[in-house]
PDB file of all heavy atoms in Angstrom:
ATOM      1  N   GLN A   1      -2.830  -8.215  21.947  1.00  0.00           N
ATOM      2  CA  GLN A   1      -2.652  -9.310  20.992  1.00  0.00           C
ATOM      3  C   GLN A   1      -1.190  -9.520  20.594  1.00  0.00           C
ATOM      4  O   GLN A   1      -0.736 -10.658  20.445  1.00  0.00           O
ATOM      5  CB  GLN A   1      -3.489  -9.050  19.730  1.00  0.00           C
ATOM      6  CG  GLN A   1      -4.991  -9.088  19.979  1.00  0.00           C
ATOM      7  CD  GLN A   1      -5.781  -8.680  18.746  1.00  0.00           C
ATOM      8  OE1 GLN A   1      -5.309  -7.886  17.924  1.00  0.00           O
ATOM      9  NE2 GLN A   1      -6.992  -9.230  18.627  1.00  0.00           N
ATOM     10  N   THR A   2      -0.452  -8.436  20.426  1.00  0.00           N
ATOM     11  CA  THR A   2       0.908  -8.534  19.886  1.00  0.00           C
ATOM     12  C   THR A   2       1.996  -8.451  20.946  1.00  0.00           C
ATOM     13  O   THR A   2       3.162  -8.741  20.653  1.00  0.00           O
ATOM     14  CB  THR A   2       1.145  -7.414  18.868  1.00  0.00           C
ATOM     15  OG1 THR A   2       1.171  -6.148  19.557  1.00  0.00           O
ATOM     16  CG2 THR A   2       0.057  -7.412  17.793  1.00  0.00           C
ATOM     17  N   ASP A   3       1.645  -8.024  22.162  1.00  0.00           N
ATOM     18  CA  ASP A   3       2.611  -7.779  23.246  1.00  0.00           C
ATOM     19  C   ASP A   3       3.555  -6.613  22.944  1.00  0.00           C
ATOM     20  O   ASP A   3       4.560  -6.421  23.650  1.00  0.00           O
ATOM     21  CB  ASP A   3       3.440  -9.023  23.568  1.00  0.00           C
ATOM     22  CG  ASP A   3       2.663 -10.041  24.399  1.00  0.00           C
ATOM     23  OD1 ASP A   3       1.543  -9.707  24.845  1.00  0.00           O
ATOM     24  OD2 ASP A   3       3.178 -11.154  24.600  1.00  0.00           O
ATOM     25  N   GLU A   4       3.249  -5.823  21.935  1.00  0.00           N
ATOM     26  CA  GLU A   4       4.041  -4.618  21.695  1.00  0.00           C
ATOM     27  C   GLU A   4       3.830  -3.653  22.857  1.00  0.00           C
ATOM     28  O   GLU A   4       2.721  -3.485  23.361  1.00  0.00           O
ATOM     29  CB  GLU A   4       3.621  -3.949  20.383  1.00  0.00           C
ATOM     30  CG  GLU A   4       4.420  -2.685  20.065  1.00  0.00           C
ATOM     31  CD  GLU A   4       3.944  -1.990  18.800  1.00  0.00           C
ATOM     32  OE1 GLU A   4       3.096  -2.560  18.082  1.00  0.00           O
ATOM     33  OE2 GLU A   4       4.408  -0.849  18.547  1.00  0.00           O
ATOM     34  N   LYS A   5       4.920  -3.022  23.267  1.00  0.00           N
ATOM     35  CA  LYS A   5       4.831  -2.097  24.395  1.00  0.00           C
ATOM     36  C   LYS A   5       4.168  -0.791  23.968  1.00  0.00           C
ATOM     37  O   LYS A   5       4.478  -0.232  22.910  1.00  0.00           O
ATOM     38  CB  LYS A   5       6.216  -1.798  24.964  1.00  0.00           C
ATOM     39  CG  LYS A   5       6.917  -3.000  25.589  1.00  0.00           C
ATOM     40  CD  LYS A   5       8.264  -2.609  26.152  1.00  0.00           C
ATOM     41  CE  LYS A   5       8.971  -3.824  26.765  1.00  0.00           C
ATOM     42  NZ  LYS A   5       9.415  -4.778  25.725  1.00  0.00           N
ATOM     43  N   ALA A   6       3.267  -0.318  24.822  1.00  0.00           N
ATOM     44  CA  ALA A   6       2.722   1.040  24.682  1.00  0.00           C
ATOM     45  C   ALA A   6       3.670   1.959  25.440  1.00  0.00           C
ATOM     46  O   ALA A   6       3.666   1.993  26.669  1.00  0.00           O
ATOM     47  CB  ALA A   6       1.314   1.115  25.260  1.00  0.00           C
ATOM     48  N   MET A   7       4.488   2.687  24.708  1.00  0.00           N
ATOM     49  CA  MET A   7       5.606   3.420  25.323  1.00  0.00           C
ATOM     50  C   MET A   7       5.126   4.717  25.993  1.00  0.00           C
ATOM     51  O   MET A   7       5.440   5.829  25.574  1.00  0.00           O
ATOM     52  CB  MET A   7       6.680   3.691  24.278  1.00  0.00           C
ATOM     53  CG  MET A   7       7.244   2.427  23.646  1.00  0.00           C
ATOM     54  SD  MET A   7       7.997   1.292  24.853  1.00  0.00           S
ATOM     55  CE  MET A   7       9.461   2.225  25.288  1.00  0.00           C
ATOM     56  N   VAL A   8       4.371   4.520  27.045  1.00  0.00           N
ATOM     57  CA  VAL A   8       3.850   5.611  27.860  1.00  0.00           C
ATOM     58  C   VAL A   8       4.261   5.340  29.301  1.00  0.00           C
ATOM     59  O   VAL A   8       3.935   4.278  29.855  1.00  0.00           O
ATOM     60  CB  VAL A   8       2.314   5.714  27.769  1.00  0.00           C
ATOM     61  CG1 VAL A   8       1.805   6.851  28.652  1.00  0.00           C
ATOM     62  CG2 VAL A   8       1.861   5.904  26.331  1.00  0.00           C
ATOM     63  N   ARG A   9       4.969   6.275  29.878  1.00  0.00           N
ATOM     64  CA  ARG A   9       5.347   6.107  31.288  1.00  0.00           C
ATOM     65  C   ARG A   9       4.148   6.460  32.172  1.00  0.00           C
ATOM     66  O   ARG A   9       4.003   7.572  32.649  1.00  0.00           O
ATOM     67  CB  ARG A   9       6.544   6.997  31.621  1.00  0.00           C
ATOM     68  CG  ARG A   9       7.898   6.411  31.235  1.00  0.00           C
ATOM     69  CD  ARG A   9       9.012   7.328  31.749  1.00  0.00           C
ATOM     70  NE  ARG A   9      10.333   6.734  31.623  1.00  0.00           N
ATOM     71  CZ  ARG A   9      11.114   6.836  30.559  1.00  0.00           C
ATOM     72  NH1 ARG A   9      10.678   7.521  29.502  1.00  0.00           N
ATOM     73  NH2 ARG A   9      12.305   6.279  30.532  1.00  0.00           N
ATOM     74  N   ASN A  10       3.280   5.464  32.387  1.00  0.00           N
ATOM     75  CA  ASN A  10       2.190   5.613  33.340  1.00  0.00           C
ATOM     76  C   ASN A  10       2.722   5.381  34.753  1.00  0.00           C
ATOM     77  O   ASN A  10       3.703   4.656  34.952  1.00  0.00           O
ATOM     78  CB  ASN A  10       1.089   4.585  33.064  1.00  0.00           C
ATOM     79  CG  ASN A  10       0.369   4.820  31.757  1.00  0.00           C
ATOM     80  OD1 ASN A  10       0.106   5.962  31.373  1.00  0.00           O
ATOM     81  ND2 ASN A  10       0.041   3.744  31.054  1.00  0.00           N
ATOM     82  N   VAL A  11       2.044   5.947  35.728  1.00  0.00           N
ATOM     83  CA  VAL A  11       2.470   5.782  37.119  1.00  0.00           C
ATOM     84  C   VAL A  11       2.456   4.317  37.541  1.00  0.00           C
ATOM     85  O   VAL A  11       3.172   3.928  38.474  1.00  0.00           O
ATOM     86  CB  VAL A  11       1.599   6.658  38.048  1.00  0.00           C
ATOM     87  CG1 VAL A  11       0.180   6.119  38.146  1.00  0.00           C
ATOM     88  CG2 VAL A  11       2.235   6.806  39.424  1.00  0.00           C
ATOM     89  N   VAL A  12       1.688   3.481  36.853  1.00  0.00           N
ATOM     90  CA  VAL A  12       1.634   2.067  37.223  1.00  0.00           C
ATOM     91  C   VAL A  12       2.959   1.365  36.943  1.00  0.00           C
ATOM     92  O   VAL A  12       3.170   0.241  37.407  1.00  0.00           O
ATOM     93  CB  VAL A  12       0.480   1.333  36.509  1.00  0.00           C
ATOM     94  CG1 VAL A  12      -0.849   1.933  36.901  1.00  0.00           C
ATOM     95  CG2 VAL A  12       0.657   1.351  34.989  1.00  0.00           C
ATOM     96  N   GLY A  13       3.863   2.012  36.223  1.00  0.00           N
ATOM     97  CA  GLY A  13       5.189   1.446  36.026  1.00  0.00           C
ATOM     98  C   GLY A  13       5.978   1.285  37.315  1.00  0.00           C
ATOM     99  O   GLY A  13       6.996   0.577  37.345  1.00  0.00           O
ATOM    100  N   PHE A  14       5.525   1.922  38.401  1.00  0.00           N
ATOM    101  CA  PHE A  14       6.175   1.758  39.702  1.00  0.00           C
ATOM    102  C   PHE A  14       5.677   0.511  40.441  1.00  0.00           C
ATOM    103  O   PHE A  14       6.272   0.115  41.449  1.00  0.00           O
ATOM    104  CB  PHE A  14       5.938   2.984  40.583  1.00  0.00           C
ATOM    105  CG  PHE A  14       6.619   4.235  40.088  1.00  0.00           C
ATOM    106  CD1 PHE A  14       5.887   5.291  39.577  1.00  0.00           C
ATOM    107  CD2 PHE A  14       7.997   4.352  40.115  1.00  0.00           C
ATOM    108  CE1 PHE A  14       6.500   6.449  39.120  1.00  0.00           C
ATOM    109  CE2 PHE A  14       8.635   5.504  39.652  1.00  0.00           C
ATOM    110  CZ  PHE A  14       7.879   6.549  39.153  1.00  0.00           C
ATOM    111  N   TYR A  15       4.598  -0.075  39.988  1.00  0.00           N
ATOM    112  CA  TYR A  15       3.983  -1.183  40.729  1.00  0.00           C
ATOM    113  C   TYR A  15       4.906  -2.391  40.923  1.00  0.00           C
ATOM    114  O   TYR A  15       4.866  -3.033  41.986  1.00  0.00           O
ATOM    115  CB  TYR A  15       2.688  -1.618  40.042  1.00  0.00           C
ATOM    116  CG  TYR A  15       1.471  -0.782  40.351  1.00  0.00           C
ATOM    117  CD1 TYR A  15       1.540   0.614  40.431  1.00  0.00           C
ATOM    118  CD2 TYR A  15       0.231  -1.373  40.559  1.00  0.00           C
ATOM    119  CE1 TYR A  15       0.417   1.369  40.707  1.00  0.00           C
ATOM    120  CE2 TYR A  15      -0.894  -0.624  40.842  1.00  0.00           C
ATOM    121  CZ  TYR A  15      -0.803   0.753  40.916  1.00  0.00           C
ATOM    122  OH  TYR A  15      -1.918   1.489  41.191  1.00  0.00           O
ATOM    123  N   PRO A  16       5.719  -2.784  39.939  1.00  0.00           N
ATOM    124  CA  PRO A  16       6.594  -3.939  40.187  1.00  0.00           C
ATOM    125  C   PRO A  16       7.583  -3.728  41.337  1.00  0.00           C
ATOM    126  O   PRO A  16       7.947  -4.695  42.027  1.00  0.00           O
ATOM    127  CB  PRO A  16       7.316  -4.118  38.846  1.00  0.00           C
ATOM    128  CG  PRO A  16       6.342  -3.583  37.832  1.00  0.00           C
ATOM    129  CD  PRO A  16       5.730  -2.393  38.515  1.00  0.00           C
ATOM    130  N   TYR A  17       8.000  -2.479  41.560  1.00  0.00           N
ATOM    131  CA  TYR A  17       8.876  -2.201  42.710  1.00  0.00           C
ATOM    132  C   TYR A  17       8.105  -2.399  44.013  1.00  0.00           C
ATOM    133  O   TYR A  17       8.629  -2.941  44.991  1.00  0.00           O
ATOM    134  CB  TYR A  17       9.421  -0.775  42.621  1.00  0.00           C
ATOM    135  CG  TYR A  17      10.234  -0.512  41.377  1.00  0.00           C
ATOM    136  CD1 TYR A  17       9.661   0.103  40.260  1.00  0.00           C
ATOM    137  CD2 TYR A  17      11.578  -0.867  41.308  1.00  0.00           C
ATOM    138  CE1 TYR A  17      10.402   0.349  39.111  1.00  0.00           C
ATOM    139  CE2 TYR A  17      12.333  -0.627  40.166  1.00  0.00           C
ATOM    140  CZ  TYR A  17      11.734  -0.019  39.068  1.00  0.00           C
ATOM    141  OH  TYR A  17      12.463   0.216  37.940  1.00  0.00           O
ATOM    142  N   TRP A  18       6.872  -1.965  44.017  1.00  0.00           N
ATOM    143  CA  TRP A  18       5.990  -2.147  45.178  1.00  0.00           C
ATOM    144  C   TRP A  18       5.792  -3.629  45.477  1.00  0.00           C
ATOM    145  O   TRP A  18       5.767  -4.052  46.638  1.00  0.00           O
ATOM    146  CB  TRP A  18       4.659  -1.446  44.885  1.00  0.00           C
ATOM    147  CG  TRP A  18       3.535  -1.675  45.828  1.00  0.00           C
ATOM    148  CD1 TRP A  18       3.523  -1.468  47.176  1.00  0.00           C
ATOM    149  CD2 TRP A  18       2.209  -2.126  45.475  1.00  0.00           C
ATOM    150  NE1 TRP A  18       2.267  -1.746  47.697  1.00  0.00           N
ATOM    151  CE2 TRP A  18       1.454  -2.156  46.667  1.00  0.00           C
ATOM    152  CE3 TRP A  18       1.592  -2.482  44.284  1.00  0.00           C
ATOM    153  CZ2 TRP A  18       0.114  -2.535  46.688  1.00  0.00           C
ATOM    154  CZ3 TRP A  18       0.256  -2.864  44.302  1.00  0.00           C
ATOM    155  CH2 TRP A  18      -0.464  -2.889  45.495  1.00  0.00           C
ATOM    156  N   ALA A  19       5.671  -4.437  44.421  1.00  0.00           N
ATOM    157  CA  ALA A  19       5.449  -5.876  44.585  1.00  0.00           C
ATOM    158  C   ALA A  19       6.733  -6.628  44.928  1.00  0.00           C
ATOM    159  O   ALA A  19       6.691  -7.836  45.171  1.00  0.00           O
ATOM    160  CB  ALA A  19       4.837  -6.454  43.307  1.00  0.00           C
ATOM    161  N   GLU A  20       7.865  -5.926  44.923  1.00  0.00           N
ATOM    162  CA  GLU A  20       9.161  -6.503  45.298  1.00  0.00           C
ATOM    163  C   GLU A  20       9.578  -7.647  44.368  1.00  0.00           C
ATOM    164  O   GLU A  20      10.121  -8.659  44.814  1.00  0.00           O
ATOM    165  CB  GLU A  20       9.145  -6.972  46.752  1.00  0.00           C
ATOM    166  CG  GLU A  20       8.863  -5.856  47.751  1.00  0.00           C
ATOM    167  CD  GLU A  20       8.836  -6.329  49.189  1.00  0.00           C
ATOM    168  OE1 GLU A  20       9.907  -6.335  49.823  1.00  0.00           O
ATOM    169  OE2 GLU A  20       7.743  -6.691  49.663  1.00  0.00           O
ATOM    170  N   ILE A  21       9.358  -7.451  43.063  1.00  0.00           N
ATOM    171  CA  ILE A  21       9.801  -8.467  42.107  1.00  0.00           C
ATOM    172  C   ILE A  21      11.007  -7.978  41.305  1.00  0.00           C
ATOM    173  O   ILE A  21      11.491  -8.695  40.426  1.00  0.00           O
ATOM    174  CB  ILE A  21       8.666  -8.889  41.153  1.00  0.00           C
ATOM    175  CG1 ILE A  21       8.226  -7.721  40.261  1.00  0.00           C
ATOM    176  CG2 ILE A  21       7.481  -9.447  41.933  1.00  0.00           C
ATOM    177  CD1 ILE A  21       7.253  -8.131  39.159  1.00  0.00           C
ATOM    178  N   THR A  22      11.501  -6.787  41.587  1.00  0.00           N
ATOM    179  CA  THR A  22      12.620  -6.225  40.839  1.00  0.00           C
ATOM    180  C   THR A  22      13.943  -6.557  41.518  1.00  0.00           C
ATOM    181  O   THR A  22      13.977  -7.044  42.651  1.00  0.00           O
ATOM    182  CB  THR A  22      12.470  -4.701  40.712  1.00  0.00           C
ATOM    183  OG1 THR A  22      12.449  -4.123  42.030  1.00  0.00           O
ATOM    184  CG2 THR A  22      11.183  -4.337  39.995  1.00  0.00           C
ATOM    185  N   ASP A  23      15.038  -6.257  40.821  1.00  0.00           N
ATOM    186  CA  ASP A  23      16.363  -6.436  41.409  1.00  0.00           C
ATOM    187  C   ASP A  23      17.223  -5.218  41.077  1.00  0.00           C
ATOM    188  O   ASP A  23      16.707  -4.195  40.593  1.00  0.00           O
ATOM    189  CB  ASP A  23      17.017  -7.737  40.939  1.00  0.00           C
ATOM    190  CG  ASP A  23      17.185  -7.817  39.421  1.00  0.00           C
ATOM    191  OD1 ASP A  23      17.345  -6.752  38.773  1.00  0.00           O
ATOM    192  OD2 ASP A  23      17.152  -8.929  38.874  1.00  0.00           O
ATOM    193  N   GLU A  24      18.534  -5.322  41.305  1.00  0.00           N
ATOM    194  CA  GLU A  24      19.407  -4.156  41.140  1.00  0.00           C
ATOM    195  C   GLU A  24      19.465  -3.653  39.706  1.00  0.00           C
ATOM    196  O   GLU A  24      19.772  -2.477  39.467  1.00  0.00           O
ATOM    197  CB  GLU A  24      20.819  -4.487  41.643  1.00  0.00           C
ATOM    198  CG  GLU A  24      21.557  -5.562  40.857  1.00  0.00           C
ATOM    199  CD  GLU A  24      21.184  -6.976  41.290  1.00  0.00           C
ATOM    200  OE1 GLU A  24      20.340  -7.112  42.208  1.00  0.00           O
ATOM    201  OE2 GLU A  24      21.744  -7.925  40.707  1.00  0.00           O
ATOM    202  N   THR A  25      19.132  -4.511  38.741  1.00  0.00           N
ATOM    203  CA  THR A  25      19.170  -4.050  37.343  1.00  0.00           C
ATOM    204  C   THR A  25      18.063  -3.053  37.039  1.00  0.00           C
ATOM    205  O   THR A  25      18.150  -2.314  36.057  1.00  0.00           O
ATOM    206  CB  THR A  25      19.056  -5.239  36.374  1.00  0.00           C
ATOM    207  OG1 THR A  25      17.772  -5.864  36.534  1.00  0.00           O
ATOM    208  CG2 THR A  25      20.156  -6.249  36.619  1.00  0.00           C
ATOM    209  N   HIS A  26      17.040  -3.032  37.870  1.00  0.00           N
ATOM    210  CA  HIS A  26      15.909  -2.133  37.638  1.00  0.00           C
ATOM    211  C   HIS A  26      16.042  -0.811  38.395  1.00  0.00           C
ATOM    212  O   HIS A  26      15.233   0.103  38.184  1.00  0.00           O
ATOM    213  CB  HIS A  26      14.604  -2.814  38.047  1.00  0.00           C
ATOM    214  CG  HIS A  26      14.358  -4.118  37.345  1.00  0.00           C
ATOM    215  ND1 HIS A  26      14.634  -5.340  37.923  1.00  0.00           N
ATOM    216  CD2 HIS A  26      13.878  -4.392  36.103  1.00  0.00           C
ATOM    217  CE1 HIS A  26      14.318  -6.312  37.082  1.00  0.00           C
ATOM    218  NE2 HIS A  26      13.866  -5.762  35.971  1.00  0.00           N
ATOM    219  N   LEU A  27      17.031  -0.705  39.279  1.00  0.00           N
ATOM    220  CA  LEU A  27      17.154   0.489  40.113  1.00  0.00           C
ATOM    221  C   LEU A  27      17.464   1.763  39.323  1.00  0.00           C
ATOM    222  O   LEU A  27      16.867   2.818  39.597  1.00  0.00           O
ATOM    223  CB  LEU A  27      18.213   0.270  41.195  1.00  0.00           C
ATOM    224  CG  LEU A  27      17.755  -0.538  42.407  1.00  0.00           C
ATOM    225  CD1 LEU A  27      18.922  -0.761  43.362  1.00  0.00           C
ATOM    226  CD2 LEU A  27      16.611   0.158  43.124  1.00  0.00           C
ATOM    227  N   PRO A  28      18.365   1.739  38.340  1.00  0.00           N
ATOM    228  CA  PRO A  28      18.611   2.981  37.593  1.00  0.00           C
ATOM    229  C   PRO A  28      17.349   3.531  36.929  1.00  0.00           C
ATOM    230  O   PRO A  28      17.145   4.746  36.887  1.00  0.00           O
ATOM    231  CB  PRO A  28      19.664   2.568  36.560  1.00  0.00           C
ATOM    232  CG  PRO A  28      20.369   1.415  37.192  1.00  0.00           C
ATOM    233  CD  PRO A  28      19.304   0.671  37.944  1.00  0.00           C
ATOM    234  N   GLY A  29      16.509   2.637  36.429  1.00  0.00           N
ATOM    235  CA  GLY A  29      15.261   3.093  35.823  1.00  0.00           C
ATOM    236  C   GLY A  29      14.336   3.743  36.827  1.00  0.00           C
ATOM    237  O   GLY A  29      13.669   4.742  36.534  1.00  0.00           O
ATOM    238  N   LEU A  30      14.273   3.170  38.030  1.00  0.00           N
ATOM    239  CA  LEU A  30      13.452   3.759  39.087  1.00  0.00           C
ATOM    240  C   LEU A  30      13.929   5.165  39.424  1.00  0.00           C
ATOM    241  O   LEU A  30      13.132   6.110  39.503  1.00  0.00           O
ATOM    242  CB  LEU A  30      13.502   2.876  40.333  1.00  0.00           C
ATOM    243  CG  LEU A  30      12.851   3.440  41.594  1.00  0.00           C
ATOM    244  CD1 LEU A  30      11.351   3.580  41.415  1.00  0.00           C
ATOM    245  CD2 LEU A  30      13.172   2.561  42.808  1.00  0.00           C
ATOM    246  N   LEU A  31      15.228   5.318  39.606  1.00  0.00           N
ATOM    247  CA  LEU A  31      15.772   6.621  39.994  1.00  0.00           C
ATOM    248  C   LEU A  31      15.573   7.650  38.890  1.00  0.00           C
ATOM    249  O   LEU A  31      15.279   8.825  39.162  1.00  0.00           O
ATOM    250  CB  LEU A  31      17.248   6.477  40.344  1.00  0.00           C
ATOM    251  CG  LEU A  31      17.555   5.524  41.509  1.00  0.00           C
ATOM    252  CD1 LEU A  31      19.054   5.424  41.727  1.00  0.00           C
ATOM    253  CD2 LEU A  31      16.852   5.976  42.775  1.00  0.00           C
ATOM    254  N   ASP A  32      15.716   7.222  37.650  1.00  0.00           N
ATOM    255  CA  ASP A  32      15.481   8.145  36.537  1.00  0.00           C
ATOM    256  C   ASP A  32      14.020   8.578  36.487  1.00  0.00           C
ATOM    257  O   ASP A  32      13.715   9.760  36.297  1.00  0.00           O
ATOM    258  CB  ASP A  32      15.893   7.484  35.224  1.00  0.00           C
ATOM    259  CG  ASP A  32      15.669   8.399  34.029  1.00  0.00           C
ATOM    260  OD1 ASP A  32      16.244   9.509  34.004  1.00  0.00           O
ATOM    261  OD2 ASP A  32      14.899   8.018  33.123  1.00  0.00           O
ATOM    262  N   ALA A  33      13.128   7.615  36.684  1.00  0.00           N
ATOM    263  CA  ALA A  33      11.697   7.943  36.641  1.00  0.00           C
ATOM    264  C   ALA A  33      11.301   8.897  37.759  1.00  0.00           C
ATOM    265  O   ALA A  33      10.380   9.718  37.589  1.00  0.00           O
ATOM    266  CB  ALA A  33      10.873   6.662  36.731  1.00  0.00           C
ATOM    267  N   LEU A  34      11.986   8.828  38.882  1.00  0.00           N
ATOM    268  CA  LEU A  34      11.670   9.691  40.018  1.00  0.00           C
ATOM    269  C   LEU A  34      12.365  11.046  39.939  1.00  0.00           C
ATOM    270  O   LEU A  34      12.282  11.845  40.873  1.00  0.00           O
ATOM    271  CB  LEU A  34      12.045   8.995  41.325  1.00  0.00           C
ATOM    272  CG  LEU A  34      11.169   7.785  41.689  1.00  0.00           C
ATOM    273  CD1 LEU A  34      11.725   7.062  42.912  1.00  0.00           C
ATOM    274  CD2 LEU A  34       9.719   8.202  41.924  1.00  0.00           C
ATOM    275  N   GLY A  35      13.005  11.323  38.827  1.00  0.00           N
ATOM    276  CA  GLY A  35      13.661  12.605  38.641  1.00  0.00           C
ATOM    277  C   GLY A  35      12.735  13.638  38.026  1.00  0.00           C
ATOM    278  O   GLY A  35      11.588  13.356  37.661  1.00  0.00           O
ATOM    279  N   PRO A  36      13.218  14.880  37.867  1.00  0.00           N
ATOM    280  CA  PRO A  36      12.369  15.981  37.405  1.00  0.00           C
ATOM    281  C   PRO A  36      11.907  15.846  35.956  1.00  0.00           C
ATOM    282  O   PRO A  36      10.931  16.492  35.570  1.00  0.00           O
ATOM    283  CB  PRO A  36      13.260  17.213  37.593  1.00  0.00           C
ATOM    284  CG  PRO A  36      14.658  16.682  37.643  1.00  0.00           C
ATOM    285  CD  PRO A  36      14.570  15.323  38.253  1.00  0.00           C
ATOM    286  N   ARG A  37      12.551  15.028  35.152  1.00  0.00           N
ATOM    287  CA  ARG A  37      12.087  14.851  33.777  1.00  0.00           C
ATOM    288  C   ARG A  37      10.774  14.088  33.719  1.00  0.00           C
ATOM    289  O   ARG A  37      10.040  14.187  32.731  1.00  0.00           O
ATOM    290  CB  ARG A  37      13.128  14.084  32.950  1.00  0.00           C
ATOM    291  CG  ARG A  37      14.344  14.875  32.526  1.00  0.00           C
ATOM    292  CD  ARG A  37      15.101  14.179  31.408  1.00  0.00           C
ATOM    293  NE  ARG A  37      15.376  12.773  31.706  1.00  0.00           N
ATOM    294  CZ  ARG A  37      15.093  11.767  30.878  1.00  0.00           C
ATOM    295  NH1 ARG A  37      14.502  12.022  29.718  1.00  0.00           N
ATOM    296  NH2 ARG A  37      15.394  10.524  31.207  1.00  0.00           N
ATOM    297  N   HIS A  38      10.499  13.317  34.763  1.00  0.00           N
ATOM    298  CA  HIS A  38       9.349  12.428  34.703  1.00  0.00           C
ATOM    299  C   HIS A  38       8.364  12.686  35.849  1.00  0.00           C
ATOM    300  O   HIS A  38       7.456  13.485  35.710  1.00  0.00           O
ATOM    301  CB  HIS A  38       9.811  10.973  34.650  1.00  0.00           C
ATOM    302  CG  HIS A  38      10.618  10.654  33.433  1.00  0.00           C
ATOM    303  ND1 HIS A  38      10.141  10.820  32.159  1.00  0.00           N
ATOM    304  CD2 HIS A  38      11.900  10.192  33.302  1.00  0.00           C
ATOM    305  CE1 HIS A  38      11.067  10.470  31.276  1.00  0.00           C
ATOM    306  NE2 HIS A  38      12.155  10.091  31.944  1.00  0.00           N
ATOM    307  N   PHE A  39       8.545  12.035  36.983  1.00  0.00           N
ATOM    308  CA  PHE A  39       7.480  12.036  37.987  1.00  0.00           C
ATOM    309  C   PHE A  39       7.709  12.978  39.167  1.00  0.00           C
ATOM    310  O   PHE A  39       6.835  13.112  40.022  1.00  0.00           O
ATOM    311  CB  PHE A  39       7.241  10.606  38.481  1.00  0.00           C
ATOM    312  CG  PHE A  39       6.609   9.725  37.442  1.00  0.00           C
ATOM    313  CD1 PHE A  39       7.386   8.968  36.581  1.00  0.00           C
ATOM    314  CD2 PHE A  39       5.236   9.687  37.288  1.00  0.00           C
ATOM    315  CE1 PHE A  39       6.813   8.169  35.610  1.00  0.00           C
ATOM    316  CE2 PHE A  39       4.636   8.897  36.323  1.00  0.00           C
ATOM    317  CZ  PHE A  39       5.422   8.137  35.469  1.00  0.00           C
ATOM    318  N   ASP A  40       8.845  13.649  39.217  1.00  0.00           N
ATOM    319  CA  ASP A  40       9.062  14.604  40.307  1.00  0.00           C
ATOM    320  C   ASP A  40       8.597  15.994  39.869  1.00  0.00           C
ATOM    321  O   ASP A  40       9.373  16.928  39.729  1.00  0.00           O
ATOM    322  CB  ASP A  40      10.529  14.635  40.716  1.00  0.00           C
ATOM    323  CG  ASP A  40      10.745  15.436  42.004  1.00  0.00           C
ATOM    324  OD1 ASP A  40       9.739  15.769  42.663  1.00  0.00           O
ATOM    325  OD2 ASP A  40      11.906  15.718  42.336  1.00  0.00           O
ATOM    326  N   THR A  41       7.309  16.110  39.663  1.00  0.00           N
ATOM    327  CA  THR A  41       6.694  17.395  39.335  1.00  0.00           C
ATOM    328  C   THR A  41       6.519  18.208  40.616  1.00  0.00           C
ATOM    329  O   THR A  41       6.743  17.698  41.718  1.00  0.00           O
ATOM    330  CB  THR A  41       5.334  17.165  38.660  1.00  0.00           C
ATOM    331  OG1 THR A  41       4.528  16.347  39.523  1.00  0.00           O
ATOM    332  CG2 THR A  41       5.494  16.471  37.306  1.00  0.00           C
ATOM    333  N   PRO A  42       6.103  19.461  40.531  1.00  0.00           N
ATOM    334  CA  PRO A  42       5.917  20.238  41.769  1.00  0.00           C
ATOM    335  C   PRO A  42       4.968  19.591  42.774  1.00  0.00           C
ATOM    336  O   PRO A  42       5.119  19.775  43.981  1.00  0.00           O
ATOM    337  CB  PRO A  42       5.365  21.566  41.247  1.00  0.00           C
ATOM    338  CG  PRO A  42       5.986  21.710  39.886  1.00  0.00           C
ATOM    339  CD  PRO A  42       6.002  20.313  39.328  1.00  0.00           C
ATOM    340  N   ALA A  43       3.976  18.853  42.286  1.00  0.00           N
ATOM    341  CA  ALA A  43       3.078  18.092  43.164  1.00  0.00           C
ATOM    342  C   ALA A  43       3.104  16.641  42.690  1.00  0.00           C
ATOM    343  O   ALA A  43       2.227  16.190  41.961  1.00  0.00           O
ATOM    344  CB  ALA A  43       1.664  18.654  43.134  1.00  0.00           C
ATOM    345  N   PRO A  44       4.140  15.898  43.058  1.00  0.00           N
ATOM    346  CA  PRO A  44       4.300  14.546  42.521  1.00  0.00           C
ATOM    347  C   PRO A  44       3.328  13.576  43.204  1.00  0.00           C
ATOM    348  O   PRO A  44       2.769  13.900  44.251  1.00  0.00           O
ATOM    349  CB  PRO A  44       5.754  14.221  42.892  1.00  0.00           C
ATOM    350  CG  PRO A  44       6.011  15.007  44.146  1.00  0.00           C
ATOM    351  CD  PRO A  44       5.211  16.270  44.003  1.00  0.00           C
ATOM    352  N   LEU A  45       3.094  12.434  42.634  1.00  0.00           N
ATOM    353  CA  LEU A  45       3.621  11.812  41.429  1.00  0.00           C
ATOM    354  C   LEU A  45       2.491  11.813  40.394  1.00  0.00           C
ATOM    355  O   LEU A  45       1.421  11.245  40.673  1.00  0.00           O
ATOM    356  CB  LEU A  45       4.063  10.370  41.721  1.00  0.00           C
ATOM    357  CG  LEU A  45       5.195  10.222  42.730  1.00  0.00           C
ATOM    358  CD1 LEU A  45       4.937   9.036  43.647  1.00  0.00           C
ATOM    359  CD2 LEU A  45       6.489  10.006  41.973  1.00  0.00           C
TER     360      LEU A  45
END
């Protein structure tokens, strides 16, 4: 109803990259998400 973001990094946050709708401004976020703080667990993703 409000469009407020649910600030949870779900794996579906990678879907826009898959759909090829992103550009270079979104790349740092992708690389950060794929790091050990987030989705690069011992058995990712």
